[in-house]
Amino acid sequence: MKDREAKVSRWEGEDLPTKAELETRLIAEELNGTFWSNGPGDRYSTHSHEFDKVIYVVEGEISFVLPETGGIITLHGGDRLDLPAHTPHAAIVGSEGVLCLEAHI
């Protein structure tokens, strides 16, 4: 990722994108994604990864907590998060659960 800060791209369409539409977007960037989901209120403790990540929320809600900046990024259907490698983050799933599409760069 060119800049080394987390970047959010909000979905601006009237209708939420389908799983296939989000997969097509990743493929256009030559990325392969994997779907994963979590139930309401699930949490991930603070951690980081050795790789850059792209995360699309297909449905539901998830909040990413960035302890180094004190920021909280809440994503809803269609939203995208570009998360640079080595960025400490935690996550909290919303009350409806979440389905995400994730690719590693």
C-alpha atoms as a PDB file:
ATOM      1  CA  MET A   1       0.000   0.000   0.000  1.00  0.00           C
ATOM      2  CA  LYS A   2       1.361   3.325  -1.001  1.00  0.00           C
ATOM      3  CA  ASP A   3       0.558   5.306   2.124  1.00  0.00           C
ATOM      4  CA  ARG A   4       0.978   3.381   5.320  1.00  0.00           C
ATOM      5  CA  GLU A   5      -2.246   4.414   7.033  1.00  0.00           C
ATOM      6  CA  ALA A   6      -5.523   2.557   7.125  1.00  0.00           C
ATOM      7  CA  LYS A   7      -7.813   3.811   4.372  1.00  0.00           C
ATOM      8  CA  VAL A   8     -11.600   3.516   4.247  1.00  0.00           C
ATOM      9  CA  SER A   9     -13.665   3.630   1.066  1.00  0.00           C
ATOM     10  CA  ARG A  10     -17.393   3.993   1.766  1.00  0.00           C
ATOM     11  CA  TRP A  11     -19.980   2.325  -0.463  1.00  0.00           C
ATOM     12  CA  GLU A  12     -21.904   5.015  -2.303  1.00  0.00           C
ATOM     13  CA  GLY A  13     -24.393   2.948  -4.278  1.00  0.00           C
ATOM     14  CA  GLU A  14     -28.099   2.932  -3.503  1.00  0.00           C
ATOM     15  CA  ASP A  15     -28.183  -0.871  -3.252  1.00  0.00           C
ATOM     16  CA  LEU A  16     -25.640  -2.962  -1.393  1.00  0.00           C
ATOM     17  CA  PRO A  17     -23.221  -4.880  -3.617  1.00  0.00           C
ATOM     18  CA  THR A  18     -23.489  -8.635  -3.985  1.00  0.00           C
ATOM     19  CA  LYS A  19     -20.750 -11.075  -3.072  1.00  0.00           C
ATOM     20  CA  ALA A  20     -20.065 -11.532  -6.794  1.00  0.00           C
ATOM     21  CA  GLU A  21     -19.743  -7.781  -7.383  1.00  0.00           C
ATOM     22  CA  LEU A  22     -17.182  -7.419  -4.605  1.00  0.00           C
ATOM     23  CA  GLU A  23     -15.253 -10.463  -5.848  1.00  0.00           C
ATOM     24  CA  THR A  24     -15.169  -8.873  -9.312  1.00  0.00           C
ATOM     25  CA  ARG A  25     -13.682  -5.698  -7.841  1.00  0.00           C
ATOM     26  CA  LEU A  26     -10.871  -7.671  -6.186  1.00  0.00           C
ATOM     27  CA  ILE A  27     -10.199  -9.701  -9.327  1.00  0.00           C
ATOM     28  CA  ALA A  28      -9.877  -6.441 -11.282  1.00  0.00           C
ATOM     29  CA  GLU A  29      -7.016  -5.597  -8.900  1.00  0.00           C
ATOM     30  CA  GLU A  30      -5.542  -9.076  -9.445  1.00  0.00           C
ATOM     31  CA  LEU A  31      -6.393 -10.080  -5.863  1.00  0.00           C
ATOM     32  CA  ASN A  32      -7.927 -13.334  -4.644  1.00  0.00           C
ATOM     33  CA  GLY A  33     -10.359 -12.998  -1.775  1.00  0.00           C
ATOM     34  CA  THR A  34     -11.726 -15.301   0.877  1.00  0.00           C
ATOM     35  CA  PHE A  35     -15.076 -14.951   2.602  1.00  0.00           C
ATOM     36  CA  TRP A  36     -15.356 -15.158   6.381  1.00  0.00           C
ATOM     37  CA  SER A  37     -18.037 -14.355   8.896  1.00  0.00           C
ATOM     38  CA  ASN A  38     -18.523 -13.825  12.594  1.00  0.00           C
ATOM     39  CA  GLY A  39     -21.539 -13.766  14.879  1.00  0.00           C
ATOM     40  CA  PRO A  40     -22.931 -10.768  16.738  1.00  0.00           C
ATOM     41  CA  GLY A  41     -20.580  -9.299  19.329  1.00  0.00           C
ATOM     42  CA  ASP A  42     -17.580 -11.459  18.401  1.00  0.00           C
ATOM     43  CA  ARG A  43     -14.244  -9.786  19.148  1.00  0.00           C
ATOM     44  CA  TYR A  44     -10.647 -10.029  18.016  1.00  0.00           C
ATOM     45  CA  SER A  45      -7.999  -8.816  20.439  1.00  0.00           C
ATOM     46  CA  THR A  46      -5.269  -6.438  19.267  1.00  0.00           C
ATOM     47  CA  HIS A  47      -2.969  -8.043  16.716  1.00  0.00           C
ATOM     48  CA  SER A  48      -1.221  -7.252  13.425  1.00  0.00           C
ATOM     49  CA  HIS A  49      -0.300  -9.072  10.224  1.00  0.00           C
ATOM     50  CA  GLU A  50       2.832  -9.423   8.104  1.00  0.00           C
ATOM     51  CA  PHE A  51       0.869  -8.502   4.969  1.00  0.00           C
ATOM     52  CA  ASP A  52      -1.334  -5.713   3.665  1.00  0.00           C
ATOM     53  CA  LYS A  53      -5.061  -6.524   3.761  1.00  0.00           C
ATOM     54  CA  VAL A  54      -8.103  -5.453   1.821  1.00  0.00           C
ATOM     55  CA  ILE A  55     -11.427  -6.098   3.563  1.00  0.00           C
ATOM     56  CA  TYR A  56     -14.883  -5.570   2.072  1.00  0.00           C
ATOM     57  CA  VAL A  57     -17.954  -5.896   4.257  1.00  0.00           C
ATOM     58  CA  VAL A  58     -20.581  -7.820   2.305  1.00  0.00           C
ATOM     59  CA  GLU A  59     -23.257  -7.517   4.968  1.00  0.00           C
ATOM     60  CA  GLY A  60     -23.477  -6.599   8.624  1.00  0.00           C
ATOM     61  CA  GLU A  61     -21.109  -4.395  10.567  1.00  0.00           C
ATOM     62  CA  ILE A  62     -17.633  -4.567  12.086  1.00  0.00           C
ATOM     63  CA  SER A  63     -15.569  -1.953  13.913  1.00  0.00           C
ATOM     64  CA  PHE A  64     -11.784  -1.902  13.770  1.00  0.00           C
ATOM     65  CA  VAL A  65     -10.013  -0.308  16.726  1.00  0.00           C
ATOM     66  CA  LEU A  66      -6.607   1.221  15.949  1.00  0.00           C
ATOM     67  CA  PRO A  67      -4.814   1.618  19.303  1.00  0.00           C
ATOM     68  CA  GLU A  68      -1.864   3.578  17.913  1.00  0.00           C
ATOM     69  CA  THR A  69      -4.128   6.400  16.704  1.00  0.00           C
ATOM     70  CA  GLY A  70      -7.053   5.923  19.066  1.00  0.00           C
ATOM     71  CA  GLY A  71      -9.287   5.632  16.011  1.00  0.00           C
ATOM     72  CA  ILE A  72     -12.291   3.403  15.469  1.00  0.00           C
ATOM     73  CA  ILE A  73     -13.387   2.563  11.928  1.00  0.00           C
ATOM     74  CA  THR A  74     -16.874   1.106  11.577  1.00  0.00           C
ATOM     75  CA  LEU A  75     -17.642  -0.625   8.287  1.00  0.00           C
ATOM     76  CA  HIS A  76     -21.055  -1.505   6.847  1.00  0.00           C
ATOM     77  CA  GLY A  77     -22.166  -3.336   3.713  1.00  0.00           C
ATOM     78  CA  GLY A  78     -20.047  -2.396   0.692  1.00  0.00           C
ATOM     79  CA  ASP A  79     -17.406  -0.502   2.689  1.00  0.00           C
ATOM     80  CA  ARG A  80     -13.742  -1.297   2.120  1.00  0.00           C
ATOM     81  CA  LEU A  81     -10.756  -1.099   4.469  1.00  0.00           C
ATOM     82  CA  ASP A  82      -7.169  -1.121   3.197  1.00  0.00           C
ATOM     83  CA  LEU A  83      -5.047  -2.079   6.196  1.00  0.00           C
ATOM     84  CA  PRO A  84      -1.250  -1.886   5.891  1.00  0.00           C
ATOM     85  CA  ALA A  85       0.986  -4.645   7.241  1.00  0.00           C
ATOM     86  CA  HIS A  86       2.095  -4.299  10.867  1.00  0.00           C
ATOM     87  CA  THR A  87      -0.881  -2.072  11.811  1.00  0.00           C
ATOM     88  CA  PRO A  88      -2.085  -3.058  15.289  1.00  0.00           C
ATOM     89  CA  HIS A  89      -5.852  -3.469  15.298  1.00  0.00           C
ATOM     90  CA  ALA A  90      -8.677  -5.113  17.211  1.00  0.00           C
ATOM     91  CA  ALA A  91     -12.183  -5.778  15.920  1.00  0.00           C
ATOM     92  CA  ILE A  92     -15.718  -5.894  17.290  1.00  0.00           C
ATOM     93  CA  VAL A  93     -18.567  -7.386  15.254  1.00  0.00           C
ATOM     94  CA  GLY A  94     -21.906  -5.544  15.227  1.00  0.00           C
ATOM     95  CA  SER A  95     -25.237  -6.779  16.564  1.00  0.00           C
ATOM     96  CA  GLU A  96     -26.242  -8.445  13.270  1.00  0.00           C
ATOM     97  CA  GLY A  97     -22.955 -10.288  12.699  1.00  0.00           C
ATOM     98  CA  VAL A  98     -20.753  -9.706   9.653  1.00  0.00           C
ATOM     99  CA  LEU A  99     -19.783 -11.310   6.351  1.00  0.00           C
ATOM    100  CA  CYS A 100     -16.520 -10.064   4.848  1.00  0.00           C
ATOM    101  CA  LEU A 101     -14.387 -10.626   1.772  1.00  0.00           C
ATOM    102  CA  GLU A 102     -10.664 -10.374   2.497  1.00  0.00           C
ATOM    103  CA  ALA A 103      -7.576 -10.400   0.300  1.00  0.00           C
ATOM    104  CA  HIS A 104      -3.898 -10.306   1.250  1.00  0.00           C
ATOM    105  CA  ILE A 105      -1.384  -8.314  -0.733  1.00  0.00           C
END
